[in-house]
Amino acid sequence: MTPAGSLLTADNLHKAYGPTPALDGAHFSIHPGEVVAVMGPSGSGKSTLLHCLAGIVTPDSGTITYQGQELSSMPDAQRSALRRSDFGFVFQFGQLVPELTCVENVALPLRLNGVKRKEAEREALRWMERLEVDDLGHKRPGEVSGGQGQRVAVARSLVSSPRVLFADEPTGALDSLNGERVMELFTEAARSANAAVVLVTHEARVAAYSDREIVVRDGKSRDLEYSA
């Protein structure tokens, strides 16, 4: 049963790649301001679940509902607009644009939405300060450490005030010390912005920063709080 007041829900999702099932009846829900860790072994379907929830991949069957709207029935252009306005993303390797400075990378989502450069970079620096990397504004991604680059990526994910943040193994390329600091700053910043966080990880120390855990195995999901 889906908890009342959910921001984003998925019901009975199925997705196969050729003869291989990636999701086999998975369920999901998240509330505003909640951090939910999606855990499971490699190949379990957790990244496919994240991509379906974000509207990047369309499930073969099942429903995904965001703020009362059926996501999978939206036109591609509408889903793309949603990813620019309401959704933010943090990936394992940051995926910063190497030709841009750090502040330009953080400001990029705002610039793509038509915000003027000075205003976008001013907002970018505000988030960089919260992530403790505002002194790196004029450096390029190749000139900063992995931990610093991932904090810049987190600032970029938050700069457009998304309702939902999707983080796919956000500390997977970091050592434990940098990973802990990134998670501390990431979850603190997300909660202060009342953004929901879908956190895909296979590490228990990362999942410990969440409010709730969902385990995905063989394409099926089990909510550790709501399933007794």
Protein backbone atom coordinates (compact mmCIF):
# COMPACT_ATOMS: atom_id res chain seq x y z
CA MET A 1 0.00 0.00 0.00
CA THR A 2 1.36 3.44 -0.97
CA PRO A 3 1.68 5.80 2.03
CA ALA A 4 -0.53 8.90 1.88
CA GLY A 5 1.09 12.20 0.92
CA SER A 6 3.77 10.70 -1.33
CA LEU A 7 5.49 12.99 -3.80
CA LEU A 8 6.65 10.28 -6.20
CA THR A 9 5.32 6.73 -6.38
CA ALA A 10 5.82 3.66 -8.55
CA ASP A 11 3.50 0.67 -8.64
CA ASN A 12 4.16 -2.78 -10.11
CA LEU A 13 6.96 -1.73 -12.45
CA HIS A 14 8.23 -4.18 -15.05
CA LYS A 15 11.15 -3.52 -17.38
CA ALA A 16 13.12 -5.98 -19.50
CA TYR A 17 16.12 -5.56 -21.79
CA GLY A 18 15.63 -8.26 -24.39
CA PRO A 19 15.00 -11.54 -22.55
CA THR A 20 16.54 -10.21 -19.32
CA PRO A 21 14.11 -8.73 -16.74
CA ALA A 22 15.52 -5.72 -14.88
CA LEU A 23 12.36 -4.90 -12.89
CA ASP A 24 9.76 -7.50 -11.98
CA GLY A 25 6.91 -5.83 -10.11
CA ALA A 26 8.88 -3.19 -8.19
CA HIS A 27 7.16 -0.63 -5.97
CA PHE A 28 8.42 2.69 -4.58
CA SER A 29 7.26 5.80 -2.73
CA ILE A 30 8.90 8.91 -1.29
CA HIS A 31 7.63 11.94 0.62
CA PRO A 32 8.82 15.57 0.35
CA GLY A 33 12.03 16.06 2.32
CA GLU A 34 12.58 12.31 2.76
CA VAL A 35 15.83 10.49 1.94
CA VAL A 36 15.20 6.94 0.71
CA ALA A 37 18.12 4.58 0.05
CA VAL A 38 17.62 2.02 -2.73
CA MET A 39 19.93 -0.88 -1.98
CA GLY A 40 20.78 -4.16 -3.64
CA PRO A 41 23.58 -6.12 -5.27
CA SER A 42 25.00 -5.28 -8.68
CA GLY A 43 22.48 -6.16 -11.40
CA SER A 44 19.52 -6.22 -9.01
CA GLY A 45 17.62 -3.49 -10.89
CA LYS A 46 18.19 -0.54 -8.55
CA SER A 47 19.67 1.78 -11.21
CA THR A 48 16.90 0.82 -13.65
CA LEU A 49 14.37 1.73 -10.96
CA LEU A 50 16.04 5.15 -10.52
CA HIS A 51 16.05 5.77 -14.29
CA CYS A 52 12.35 4.88 -14.52
CA LEU A 53 11.46 7.12 -11.57
CA ALA A 54 13.35 10.01 -13.20
CA GLY A 55 11.54 9.56 -16.51
CA ILE A 56 14.75 8.64 -18.34
CA VAL A 57 13.59 5.08 -19.05
CA THR A 58 9.98 4.09 -19.74
CA PRO A 59 8.84 0.91 -17.97
CA ASP A 60 7.21 -1.86 -19.99
CA SER A 61 4.26 -1.82 -17.57
CA GLY A 62 3.25 -0.34 -14.24
CA THR A 63 2.66 3.26 -13.21
CA ILE A 64 4.85 6.11 -11.98
CA THR A 65 3.06 9.10 -10.49
CA TYR A 66 4.67 12.45 -9.68
CA GLN A 67 2.49 15.03 -7.90
CA GLY A 68 -0.62 13.27 -9.17
CA GLN A 69 0.55 13.08 -12.81
CA GLU A 70 1.34 9.84 -14.61
CA LEU A 71 5.00 10.22 -15.61
CA SER A 72 5.21 7.47 -18.24
CA SER A 73 2.26 8.89 -20.19
CA MET A 74 3.87 12.34 -20.52
CA PRO A 75 5.37 13.34 -23.90
CA ASP A 76 9.17 13.24 -24.06
CA ALA A 77 9.38 17.03 -24.15
CA GLN A 78 7.34 17.33 -20.95
CA ARG A 79 9.48 14.75 -19.16
CA SER A 80 12.64 16.57 -20.30
CA ALA A 81 11.26 19.86 -18.97
CA LEU A 82 10.48 18.14 -15.66
CA ARG A 83 14.08 16.93 -15.38
CA ARG A 84 15.27 20.52 -15.85
CA SER A 85 12.85 22.09 -13.38
CA ASP A 86 11.81 19.56 -10.72
CA PHE A 87 14.49 16.87 -10.75
CA GLY A 88 18.19 17.06 -9.85
CA PHE A 89 20.89 14.45 -10.46
CA VAL A 90 24.15 13.41 -8.81
CA PHE A 91 26.19 10.67 -10.50
CA GLN A 92 29.06 8.51 -9.30
CA PHE A 93 31.71 10.45 -11.20
CA GLY A 94 30.11 13.89 -11.00
CA GLN A 95 29.96 14.35 -14.79
CA LEU A 96 31.05 17.97 -14.63
CA VAL A 97 31.76 19.73 -17.93
CA PRO A 98 35.58 19.92 -18.08
CA GLU A 99 35.67 23.08 -20.23
CA LEU A 100 33.62 25.09 -17.71
CA THR A 101 34.77 26.46 -14.36
CA CYS A 102 33.22 25.01 -11.23
CA VAL A 103 30.88 27.97 -10.76
CA GLU A 104 29.82 27.74 -14.41
CA ASN A 105 29.10 24.03 -13.92
CA VAL A 106 26.91 24.73 -10.90
CA ALA A 107 25.12 27.56 -12.69
CA LEU A 108 24.51 25.46 -15.81
CA PRO A 109 20.98 24.18 -14.91
CA LEU A 110 19.85 27.77 -14.30
CA ARG A 111 21.44 29.00 -17.53
CA LEU A 112 19.65 26.22 -19.45
CA ASN A 113 16.40 27.49 -17.95
CA GLY A 114 17.05 31.02 -19.20
CA VAL A 115 18.47 32.67 -16.07
CA LYS A 116 20.98 35.44 -16.79
CA ARG A 117 24.65 34.63 -16.18
CA LYS A 118 25.30 36.95 -13.22
CA GLU A 119 22.16 35.90 -11.39
CA ALA A 120 22.81 32.20 -12.10
CA GLU A 121 26.41 32.40 -10.89
CA ARG A 122 25.39 34.32 -7.78
CA GLU A 123 22.95 31.53 -6.88
CA ALA A 124 25.60 28.94 -7.80
CA LEU A 125 28.09 30.49 -5.38
CA ARG A 126 25.47 30.45 -2.63
CA TRP A 127 25.12 26.69 -2.98
CA MET A 128 28.86 26.20 -3.36
CA GLU A 129 29.34 28.00 -0.04
CA ARG A 130 26.90 25.60 1.63
CA LEU A 131 28.87 22.68 0.19
CA GLU A 132 32.16 24.29 1.32
CA VAL A 133 33.61 24.70 -2.21
CA ASP A 134 32.93 28.39 -2.92
CA ASP A 135 36.71 29.01 -3.04
CA LEU A 136 36.92 26.75 -6.12
CA GLY A 137 34.62 28.84 -8.31
CA HIS A 138 37.19 29.77 -10.96
CA LYS A 139 38.93 26.39 -11.07
CA ARG A 140 38.08 23.78 -13.68
CA PRO A 141 37.01 20.25 -12.68
CA GLY A 142 40.42 18.83 -13.59
CA GLU A 143 42.04 21.15 -11.04
CA VAL A 144 40.10 19.94 -7.98
CA SER A 145 40.10 16.71 -5.98
CA GLY A 146 37.50 13.98 -6.37
CA GLY A 147 35.77 14.92 -3.13
CA GLN A 148 35.69 18.59 -4.05
CA GLY A 149 34.38 17.80 -7.53
CA GLN A 150 31.57 15.71 -6.08
CA ARG A 151 30.56 18.56 -3.76
CA VAL A 152 30.45 20.83 -6.82
CA ALA A 153 28.21 18.24 -8.51
CA VAL A 154 25.92 18.21 -5.46
CA ALA A 155 25.71 22.01 -5.55
CA ARG A 156 24.78 21.78 -9.24
CA SER A 157 22.01 19.29 -8.44
CA LEU A 158 20.49 21.67 -5.86
CA VAL A 159 20.89 25.03 -7.59
CA SER A 160 17.55 24.94 -9.41
CA SER A 161 15.61 24.03 -6.21
CA PRO A 162 14.44 20.59 -7.39
CA ARG A 163 11.66 18.71 -5.64
CA VAL A 164 13.40 15.35 -6.12
CA LEU A 165 17.13 14.54 -6.19
CA PHE A 166 18.33 11.32 -7.79
CA ALA A 167 21.76 10.19 -6.58
CA ASP A 168 23.30 7.11 -8.21
CA GLU A 169 26.24 5.83 -6.11
CA PRO A 170 27.25 9.44 -5.28
CA THR A 171 30.27 8.38 -3.19
CA GLY A 172 31.26 5.31 -5.22
CA ALA A 173 34.43 6.96 -6.59
CA LEU A 174 35.52 8.49 -3.25
CA ASP A 175 37.51 7.24 -0.28
CA SER A 176 35.60 6.71 2.96
CA LEU A 177 36.58 10.05 4.54
CA ASN A 178 35.56 12.13 1.51
CA GLY A 179 32.47 9.99 1.06
CA GLU A 180 31.32 10.65 4.61
CA ARG A 181 31.75 14.40 4.24
CA VAL A 182 29.96 14.50 0.89
CA MET A 183 27.01 12.56 2.35
CA GLU A 184 26.85 14.80 5.43
CA LEU A 185 26.74 17.96 3.33
CA PHE A 186 24.47 16.45 0.67
CA THR A 187 21.76 15.21 3.03
CA GLU A 188 21.93 18.35 5.18
CA ALA A 189 21.53 20.60 2.14
CA ALA A 190 18.75 18.49 0.62
CA ARG A 191 16.75 18.40 3.85
CA SER A 192 17.13 22.15 4.34
CA ALA A 193 15.67 22.60 0.84
CA ASN A 194 12.88 20.05 1.58
CA ALA A 195 13.99 18.04 -1.45
CA ALA A 196 13.26 14.32 -1.56
CA VAL A 197 16.33 12.18 -2.26
CA VAL A 198 16.35 8.84 -4.08
CA LEU A 199 19.75 7.44 -3.13
CA VAL A 200 20.99 4.35 -4.99
CA THR A 201 23.84 2.63 -3.16
CA HIS A 202 25.21 -0.76 -2.23
CA GLU A 203 27.08 0.60 0.80
CA ALA A 204 25.49 0.37 4.25
CA ARG A 205 27.49 3.40 5.50
CA VAL A 206 25.92 5.54 2.76
CA ALA A 207 22.43 4.14 3.31
CA ALA A 208 22.79 5.07 6.99
CA TYR A 209 22.19 8.71 5.99
CA SER A 210 18.68 7.85 4.75
CA ASP A 211 15.36 7.89 6.57
CA ARG A 212 14.27 4.59 5.05
CA GLU A 213 15.68 1.77 2.95
CA ILE A 214 14.21 -0.12 0.01
CA VAL A 215 15.98 -3.32 -1.03
CA VAL A 216 15.85 -4.36 -4.68
CA ARG A 217 16.68 -7.97 -5.53
CA ASP A 218 15.97 -9.75 -8.81
CA GLY A 219 13.90 -6.77 -9.93
CA LYS A 220 11.57 -6.88 -6.93
CA SER A 221 11.53 -4.28 -4.14
CA ARG A 222 10.99 -4.58 -0.41
CA ASP A 223 10.45 -1.56 1.80
CA LEU A 224 12.16 -2.13 5.14
CA GLU A 225 9.82 0.26 6.98
CA TYR A 226 6.45 -0.43 5.42
CA SER A 227 6.77 -4.22 5.01
CA ALA A 228 6.44 -6.04 8.31
